[in-house]
Amino acid sequence: MFLDRSNEAKSYLESVSKKRIDLQIKEDGKQLEELKRTKAMSYTLFNLKAYFKLSVLADKVGLDLWNYNGKNGGSIRKALDYFLPFVQDSTKWEYQQIESFKNDDVYPLLVIAKKKYDEKTYGDWIRKIFPDNIKISIPNFL
């Protein structure tokens, strides 16, 4: 990347990121470690944002984390898909969330997911969760 060490960056991103996906995301998309927290929705989103950022970096070195399926069947996409119904209606969230949940940071994830997965589904989620067409700057996400 900066020091023309793309192969090292790719190797590191691949081993660390895949190991984290394997350990943290279950087949149904749940991130069990985040669900134990007192602000489980907030931490689930925080972790998803981190995976998206890692995936954007991985793209730069030719590594596809977007479509990686972990040893337990978990993936970034499954984690996002699991979470979205609760973002739309947080009253259905079964885990602890001791403060109000702000969903603005989900918007850039949906825009990126729509592009990366070429899925109409994520455009539909944008319209469901953000019916007033909230505009949030994607560059600020990265």
N, C-alpha and C. Protein backbone atom coordinates (compact mmCIF):
# COMPACT_ATOMS: atom_id res chain seq x y z
N MET A 1 0.85 -1.15 0.00
CA MET A 1 0.00 0.00 0.00
C MET A 1 0.91 1.24 0.00
N PHE A 2 1.18 1.82 1.15
CA PHE A 2 2.04 3.01 1.15
C PHE A 2 3.49 2.66 0.84
N LEU A 3 3.97 1.57 1.35
CA LEU A 3 5.38 1.21 1.19
C LEU A 3 5.57 0.12 0.15
N ASP A 4 4.60 -0.02 -0.74
CA ASP A 4 4.64 -1.04 -1.78
C ASP A 4 4.79 -2.44 -1.16
N ARG A 5 4.02 -2.66 -0.12
CA ARG A 5 4.03 -3.95 0.57
C ARG A 5 2.63 -4.56 0.53
N SER A 6 2.04 -4.53 -0.65
CA SER A 6 0.66 -5.02 -0.83
C SER A 6 0.51 -6.48 -0.45
N ASN A 7 1.50 -7.28 -0.79
CA ASN A 7 1.40 -8.71 -0.47
C ASN A 7 1.36 -8.95 1.03
N GLU A 8 2.16 -8.20 1.78
CA GLU A 8 2.13 -8.32 3.24
C GLU A 8 0.79 -7.86 3.80
N ALA A 9 0.29 -6.75 3.26
CA ALA A 9 -1.00 -6.23 3.71
C ALA A 9 -2.10 -7.24 3.42
N LYS A 10 -2.06 -7.82 2.23
CA LYS A 10 -3.07 -8.81 1.84
C LYS A 10 -3.01 -10.03 2.76
N SER A 11 -1.82 -10.51 3.02
CA SER A 11 -1.65 -11.68 3.88
C SER A 11 -2.18 -11.40 5.29
N TYR A 12 -1.85 -10.24 5.81
CA TYR A 12 -2.30 -9.87 7.16
C TYR A 12 -3.82 -9.72 7.19
N LEU A 13 -4.37 -8.98 6.23
CA LEU A 13 -5.82 -8.79 6.18
C LEU A 13 -6.54 -10.12 6.06
N GLU A 14 -6.00 -11.00 5.23
CA GLU A 14 -6.65 -12.29 5.03
C GLU A 14 -6.65 -13.13 6.30
N SER A 15 -5.51 -13.24 6.95
CA SER A 15 -5.45 -14.10 8.13
C SER A 15 -6.23 -13.52 9.31
N VAL A 16 -6.04 -12.25 9.57
CA VAL A 16 -6.70 -11.64 10.73
C VAL A 16 -8.20 -11.49 10.51
N SER A 17 -8.59 -10.97 9.36
CA SER A 17 -10.02 -10.72 9.10
C SER A 17 -10.81 -12.02 9.04
N LYS A 18 -10.29 -12.99 8.33
CA LYS A 18 -11.01 -14.26 8.21
C LYS A 18 -11.12 -14.95 9.57
N LYS A 19 -10.06 -14.88 10.36
CA LYS A 19 -10.10 -15.48 11.69
C LYS A 19 -11.18 -14.81 12.54
N ARG A 20 -11.29 -13.49 12.45
CA ARG A 20 -12.30 -12.77 13.22
C ARG A 20 -13.71 -13.12 12.75
N ILE A 21 -13.90 -13.20 11.46
CA ILE A 21 -15.21 -13.59 10.93
C ILE A 21 -15.55 -15.00 11.43
N ASP A 22 -14.58 -15.91 11.34
CA ASP A 22 -14.80 -17.29 11.81
C ASP A 22 -15.24 -17.33 13.27
N LEU A 23 -14.60 -16.52 14.09
CA LEU A 23 -14.88 -16.53 15.53
C LEU A 23 -16.10 -15.72 15.93
N GLN A 24 -16.37 -14.63 15.23
CA GLN A 24 -17.36 -13.67 15.73
C GLN A 24 -18.73 -13.72 15.06
N ILE A 25 -18.80 -14.21 13.83
CA ILE A 25 -20.10 -14.19 13.13
C ILE A 25 -20.59 -15.63 12.96
N LYS A 26 -21.76 -15.88 13.47
CA LYS A 26 -22.35 -17.22 13.39
C LYS A 26 -23.11 -17.38 12.07
N GLU A 27 -23.53 -18.60 11.79
CA GLU A 27 -24.19 -18.92 10.53
C GLU A 27 -25.45 -18.08 10.31
N ASP A 28 -26.16 -17.75 11.40
CA ASP A 28 -27.38 -16.95 11.27
C ASP A 28 -27.09 -15.44 11.22
N GLY A 29 -25.81 -15.07 11.33
CA GLY A 29 -25.44 -13.66 11.28
C GLY A 29 -25.27 -13.00 12.63
N LYS A 30 -25.59 -13.70 13.69
CA LYS A 30 -25.43 -13.11 15.03
C LYS A 30 -23.95 -12.95 15.35
N GLN A 31 -23.65 -11.86 16.03
CA GLN A 31 -22.31 -11.60 16.55
C GLN A 31 -22.41 -11.76 18.07
N LEU A 32 -22.22 -12.98 18.53
CA LEU A 32 -22.54 -13.32 19.92
C LEU A 32 -21.80 -12.48 20.95
N GLU A 33 -20.56 -12.14 20.70
CA GLU A 33 -19.82 -11.33 21.68
C GLU A 33 -20.44 -9.95 21.83
N GLU A 34 -20.96 -9.41 20.76
CA GLU A 34 -21.59 -8.08 20.82
C GLU A 34 -22.95 -8.16 21.51
N LEU A 35 -23.62 -9.28 21.39
CA LEU A 35 -24.95 -9.44 21.98
C LEU A 35 -24.90 -9.55 23.50
N LYS A 36 -23.74 -9.80 24.06
CA LYS A 36 -23.58 -9.89 25.51
C LYS A 36 -23.48 -8.52 26.17
N ARG A 37 -23.28 -7.51 25.38
CA ARG A 37 -23.00 -6.16 25.91
C ARG A 37 -24.28 -5.44 26.31
N THR A 38 -24.13 -4.38 27.11
CA THR A 38 -25.30 -3.61 27.55
C THR A 38 -25.85 -2.70 26.46
N LYS A 39 -25.05 -2.47 25.42
CA LYS A 39 -25.50 -1.70 24.25
C LYS A 39 -25.29 -2.58 23.02
N ALA A 40 -25.99 -3.69 23.01
CA ALA A 40 -25.75 -4.73 22.01
C ALA A 40 -26.01 -4.25 20.58
N MET A 41 -27.05 -3.46 20.38
CA MET A 41 -27.30 -2.95 19.02
C MET A 41 -26.17 -2.03 18.57
N SER A 42 -25.76 -1.15 19.44
CA SER A 42 -24.70 -0.21 19.11
C SER A 42 -23.40 -0.93 18.79
N TYR A 43 -23.06 -1.93 19.59
CA TYR A 43 -21.81 -2.66 19.36
C TYR A 43 -21.90 -3.57 18.14
N THR A 44 -23.08 -4.10 17.87
CA THR A 44 -23.25 -4.90 16.65
C THR A 44 -22.99 -4.02 15.43
N LEU A 45 -23.54 -2.82 15.44
CA LEU A 45 -23.31 -1.89 14.34
C LEU A 45 -21.84 -1.48 14.27
N PHE A 46 -21.24 -1.17 15.41
CA PHE A 46 -19.83 -0.78 15.45
C PHE A 46 -18.96 -1.87 14.81
N ASN A 47 -19.23 -3.11 15.16
CA ASN A 47 -18.46 -4.23 14.62
C ASN A 47 -18.70 -4.39 13.12
N LEU A 48 -19.95 -4.24 12.69
CA LEU A 48 -20.25 -4.31 11.26
C LEU A 48 -19.50 -3.23 10.49
N LYS A 49 -19.47 -2.01 11.03
CA LYS A 49 -18.73 -0.93 10.38
C LYS A 49 -17.25 -1.30 10.25
N ALA A 50 -16.70 -1.92 11.28
CA ALA A 50 -15.29 -2.33 11.22
C ALA A 50 -15.07 -3.37 10.12
N TYR A 51 -15.99 -4.32 10.00
CA TYR A 51 -15.87 -5.32 8.94
C TYR A 51 -15.97 -4.68 7.56
N PHE A 52 -16.85 -3.71 7.42
CA PHE A 52 -16.96 -3.03 6.14
C PHE A 52 -15.67 -2.28 5.82
N LYS A 53 -15.10 -1.62 6.80
CA LYS A 53 -13.84 -0.89 6.57
C LYS A 53 -12.71 -1.86 6.21
N LEU A 54 -12.63 -2.98 6.90
CA LEU A 54 -11.63 -3.99 6.55
C LEU A 54 -11.83 -4.50 5.13
N SER A 55 -13.08 -4.68 4.75
CA SER A 55 -13.39 -5.18 3.41
C SER A 55 -13.01 -4.18 2.33
N VAL A 56 -13.22 -2.90 2.60
CA VAL A 56 -12.81 -1.86 1.65
C VAL A 56 -11.29 -1.87 1.50
N LEU A 57 -10.57 -1.99 2.61
CA LEU A 57 -9.11 -2.08 2.55
C LEU A 57 -8.68 -3.34 1.79
N ALA A 58 -9.35 -4.45 2.06
CA ALA A 58 -9.02 -5.71 1.39
C ALA A 58 -9.21 -5.59 -0.12
N ASP A 59 -10.25 -4.87 -0.55
CA ASP A 59 -10.46 -4.65 -1.98
C ASP A 59 -9.22 -4.05 -2.63
N LYS A 60 -8.55 -3.16 -1.93
CA LYS A 60 -7.39 -2.45 -2.48
C LYS A 60 -6.19 -3.38 -2.74
N VAL A 61 -6.18 -4.54 -2.10
CA VAL A 61 -5.09 -5.50 -2.32
C VAL A 61 -5.58 -6.77 -3.00
N GLY A 62 -6.78 -6.71 -3.57
CA GLY A 62 -7.31 -7.84 -4.34
C GLY A 62 -7.86 -8.98 -3.51
N LEU A 63 -8.30 -8.69 -2.31
CA LEU A 63 -8.86 -9.72 -1.42
C LEU A 63 -10.35 -9.46 -1.25
N ASP A 64 -11.15 -10.49 -1.43
CA ASP A 64 -12.61 -10.35 -1.32
C ASP A 64 -13.09 -10.88 0.03
N LEU A 65 -13.28 -9.97 0.97
CA LEU A 65 -13.87 -10.36 2.26
C LEU A 65 -15.39 -10.29 2.21
N TRP A 66 -15.93 -9.54 1.26
CA TRP A 66 -17.38 -9.36 1.15
C TRP A 66 -18.10 -10.70 1.01
N ASN A 67 -17.49 -11.62 0.28
CA ASN A 67 -18.14 -12.90 -0.01
C ASN A 67 -17.51 -14.07 0.73
N TYR A 68 -16.67 -13.78 1.69
CA TYR A 68 -16.04 -14.84 2.48
C TYR A 68 -17.08 -15.46 3.42
N ASN A 69 -17.16 -16.79 3.39
CA ASN A 69 -18.00 -17.53 4.33
C ASN A 69 -17.09 -18.24 5.32
N GLY A 70 -17.29 -17.94 6.59
CA GLY A 70 -16.45 -18.50 7.64
C GLY A 70 -16.64 -19.99 7.85
N LYS A 71 -15.78 -20.56 8.65
CA LYS A 71 -15.82 -21.99 8.94
C LYS A 71 -17.15 -22.40 9.56
N ASN A 72 -17.78 -21.49 10.29
CA ASN A 72 -19.08 -21.77 10.91
C ASN A 72 -20.25 -21.30 10.04
N GLY A 73 -19.94 -20.86 8.82
CA GLY A 73 -20.99 -20.40 7.92
C GLY A 73 -21.33 -18.93 8.05
N GLY A 74 -20.64 -18.22 8.92
CA GLY A 74 -20.90 -16.79 9.10
C GLY A 74 -20.25 -15.95 8.01
N SER A 75 -20.80 -14.78 7.77
CA SER A 75 -20.23 -13.86 6.79
C SER A 75 -20.66 -12.44 7.13
N ILE A 76 -19.97 -11.50 6.54
CA ILE A 76 -20.32 -10.09 6.74
C ILE A 76 -21.74 -9.85 6.25
N ARG A 77 -22.06 -10.41 5.12
CA ARG A 77 -23.40 -10.23 4.55
C ARG A 77 -24.48 -10.80 5.48
N LYS A 78 -24.23 -11.97 6.03
CA LYS A 78 -25.21 -12.57 6.95
C LYS A 78 -25.36 -11.72 8.21
N ALA A 79 -24.26 -11.15 8.68
CA ALA A 79 -24.32 -10.28 9.86
C ALA A 79 -25.18 -9.04 9.56
N LEU A 80 -25.01 -8.47 8.39
CA LEU A 80 -25.82 -7.31 8.00
C LEU A 80 -27.28 -7.72 7.86
N ASP A 81 -27.54 -8.81 7.17
CA ASP A 81 -28.92 -9.27 6.95
C ASP A 81 -29.63 -9.60 8.26
N TYR A 82 -28.91 -10.17 9.20
CA TYR A 82 -29.51 -10.46 10.51
C TYR A 82 -29.92 -9.17 11.22
N PHE A 83 -29.10 -8.16 11.11
CA PHE A 83 -29.26 -6.92 11.88
C PHE A 83 -30.35 -5.99 11.32
N LEU A 84 -30.53 -5.96 10.02
CA LEU A 84 -31.41 -4.96 9.40
C LEU A 84 -32.85 -4.95 9.89
N PRO A 85 -33.50 -6.09 10.11
CA PRO A 85 -34.88 -6.01 10.62
C PRO A 85 -34.98 -5.29 11.96
N PHE A 86 -33.95 -5.40 12.77
CA PHE A 86 -33.95 -4.74 14.08
C PHE A 86 -33.65 -3.25 13.96
N VAL A 87 -32.90 -2.90 12.95
CA VAL A 87 -32.65 -1.48 12.69
C VAL A 87 -33.97 -0.82 12.28
N GLN A 88 -34.75 -1.54 11.49
CA GLN A 88 -36.04 -1.02 11.06
C GLN A 88 -37.01 -0.91 12.24
N ASP A 89 -37.00 -1.90 13.12
CA ASP A 89 -37.90 -1.89 14.27
C ASP A 89 -37.15 -2.39 15.50
N SER A 90 -36.54 -1.46 16.21
CA SER A 90 -35.70 -1.83 17.35
C SER A 90 -36.49 -2.40 18.53
N THR A 91 -37.82 -2.27 18.50
CA THR A 91 -38.62 -2.85 19.59
C THR A 91 -38.56 -4.38 19.58
N LYS A 92 -38.16 -4.96 18.46
CA LYS A 92 -38.07 -6.42 18.35
C LYS A 92 -36.72 -6.96 18.79
N TRP A 93 -35.80 -6.07 19.09
CA TRP A 93 -34.46 -6.48 19.54
C TRP A 93 -34.58 -7.17 20.89
N GLU A 94 -34.05 -8.36 21.02
CA GLU A 94 -34.20 -9.19 22.22
C GLU A 94 -33.06 -9.02 23.21
N TYR A 95 -32.07 -8.23 22.86
CA TYR A 95 -30.89 -8.10 23.70
C TYR A 95 -30.86 -6.73 24.35
N GLN A 96 -29.95 -6.56 25.27
CA GLN A 96 -29.88 -5.32 26.03
C GLN A 96 -29.40 -4.15 25.16
N GLN A 97 -30.05 -3.00 25.33
CA GLN A 97 -29.64 -1.75 24.70
C GLN A 97 -30.06 -0.65 25.66
N ILE A 98 -29.12 -0.23 26.52
CA ILE A 98 -29.48 0.66 27.63
C ILE A 98 -29.62 2.13 27.24
N GLU A 99 -29.33 2.45 25.99
CA GLU A 99 -29.56 3.82 25.51
C GLU A 99 -30.17 3.75 24.12
N SER A 100 -30.73 4.85 23.69
CA SER A 100 -31.40 4.82 22.39
C SER A 100 -30.38 4.52 21.29
N PHE A 101 -30.86 3.84 20.28
CA PHE A 101 -30.01 3.43 19.17
C PHE A 101 -30.18 4.42 18.02
N LYS A 102 -29.08 4.91 17.51
CA LYS A 102 -29.10 5.83 16.37
C LYS A 102 -28.72 5.05 15.12
N ASN A 103 -29.61 5.04 14.15
CA ASN A 103 -29.38 4.20 12.98
C ASN A 103 -28.71 4.91 11.80
N ASP A 104 -28.34 6.17 11.94
CA ASP A 104 -27.75 6.91 10.82
C ASP A 104 -26.54 6.20 10.20
N ASP A 105 -25.73 5.56 11.02
CA ASP A 105 -24.52 4.91 10.52
C ASP A 105 -24.81 3.65 9.70
N VAL A 106 -26.05 3.22 9.68
CA VAL A 106 -26.41 2.05 8.87
C VAL A 106 -26.52 2.45 7.40
N TYR A 107 -26.89 3.70 7.15
CA TYR A 107 -27.11 4.16 5.77
C TYR A 107 -25.90 3.90 4.86
N PRO A 108 -24.69 4.33 5.24
CA PRO A 108 -23.55 4.07 4.35
C PRO A 108 -23.29 2.58 4.14
N LEU A 109 -23.56 1.78 5.15
CA LEU A 109 -23.38 0.33 4.99
C LEU A 109 -24.33 -0.21 3.92
N LEU A 110 -25.55 0.28 3.93
CA LEU A 110 -26.53 -0.17 2.95
C LEU A 110 -26.16 0.28 1.54
N VAL A 111 -25.67 1.49 1.41
CA VAL A 111 -25.26 1.99 0.09
C VAL A 111 -24.10 1.14 -0.44
N ILE A 112 -23.14 0.87 0.42
CA ILE A 112 -22.00 0.05 0.01
C ILE A 112 -22.44 -1.39 -0.29
N ALA A 113 -23.30 -1.95 0.55
CA ALA A 113 -23.78 -3.33 0.34
C ALA A 113 -24.55 -3.43 -0.97
N LYS A 114 -25.34 -2.42 -1.28
CA LYS A 114 -26.11 -2.42 -2.54
C LYS A 114 -25.16 -2.51 -3.73
N LYS A 115 -24.06 -1.79 -3.65
CA LYS A 115 -23.08 -1.81 -4.74
C LYS A 115 -22.28 -3.12 -4.75
N LYS A 116 -21.80 -3.53 -3.60
CA LYS A 116 -20.93 -4.71 -3.53
C LYS A 116 -21.67 -6.00 -3.86
N TYR A 117 -22.90 -6.12 -3.40
CA TYR A 117 -23.65 -7.35 -3.61
C TYR A 117 -24.61 -7.25 -4.79
N ASP A 118 -24.66 -6.07 -5.41
CA ASP A 118 -25.53 -5.85 -6.56
C ASP A 118 -26.94 -6.35 -6.28
N GLU A 119 -27.44 -5.96 -5.14
CA GLU A 119 -28.73 -6.46 -4.67
C GLU A 119 -29.75 -5.34 -4.55
N LYS A 120 -30.88 -5.55 -5.17
CA LYS A 120 -32.01 -4.63 -5.01
C LYS A 120 -32.47 -4.61 -3.55
N THR A 121 -32.28 -5.72 -2.87
CA THR A 121 -32.70 -5.86 -1.48
C THR A 121 -32.21 -4.71 -0.61
N TYR A 122 -30.95 -4.32 -0.79
CA TYR A 122 -30.38 -3.28 0.07
C TYR A 122 -30.95 -1.90 -0.27
N GLY A 123 -31.30 -1.69 -1.53
CA GLY A 123 -32.01 -0.47 -1.90
C GLY A 123 -33.38 -0.43 -1.24
N ASP A 124 -34.03 -1.60 -1.18
CA ASP A 124 -35.33 -1.69 -0.50
C ASP A 124 -35.19 -1.36 0.98
N TRP A 125 -34.11 -1.86 1.61
CA TRP A 125 -33.88 -1.56 3.03
C TRP A 125 -33.65 -0.06 3.23
N ILE A 126 -32.93 0.57 2.32
CA ILE A 126 -32.71 2.02 2.44
C ILE A 126 -34.05 2.74 2.47
N ARG A 127 -34.95 2.35 1.56
CA ARG A 127 -36.27 3.01 1.50
C ARG A 127 -37.11 2.70 2.74
N LYS A 128 -36.99 1.50 3.30
CA LYS A 128 -37.76 1.14 4.49
C LYS A 128 -37.25 1.87 5.74
N ILE A 129 -35.95 1.87 5.92
CA ILE A 129 -35.36 2.43 7.14
C ILE A 129 -35.23 3.94 7.07
N PHE A 130 -34.98 4.45 5.87
CA PHE A 130 -34.77 5.89 5.67
C PHE A 130 -35.76 6.42 4.63
N PRO A 131 -37.05 6.41 4.95
CA PRO A 131 -38.05 6.79 3.96
C PRO A 131 -37.96 8.25 3.51
N ASP A 132 -37.32 9.08 4.29
CA ASP A 132 -37.20 10.49 3.91
C ASP A 132 -35.94 10.75 3.10
N ASN A 133 -35.34 9.68 2.58
CA ASN A 133 -34.15 9.80 1.74
C ASN A 133 -33.04 10.61 2.40
N ILE A 134 -32.70 10.22 3.60
CA ILE A 134 -31.61 10.87 4.33
C ILE A 134 -30.34 10.75 3.50
N LYS A 135 -29.63 11.83 3.36
CA LYS A 135 -28.37 11.82 2.63
C LYS A 135 -27.23 11.92 3.63
N ILE A 136 -26.41 10.91 3.64
CA ILE A 136 -25.26 10.88 4.53
C ILE A 136 -24.03 10.67 3.66
N SER A 137 -23.00 11.38 3.92
CA SER A 137 -21.79 11.30 3.11
C SER A 137 -21.06 9.98 3.31
N ILE A 138 -20.89 9.25 2.23
CA ILE A 138 -20.16 7.99 2.29
C ILE A 138 -18.66 8.22 2.55
N PRO A 139 -18.02 9.24 1.94
CA PRO A 139 -16.59 9.43 2.22
C PRO A 139 -16.27 9.57 3.70
N ASN A 140 -17.17 10.13 4.49
CA ASN A 140 -16.93 10.25 5.92
C ASN A 140 -16.89 8.90 6.61
N PHE A 141 -17.53 7.91 6.01
CA PHE A 141 -17.52 6.56 6.57
C PHE A 141 -16.12 5.98 6.52
N LEU A 142 -15.43 6.22 5.43
CA LEU A 142 -14.10 5.64 5.24
C LEU A 142 -13.08 6.58 5.80
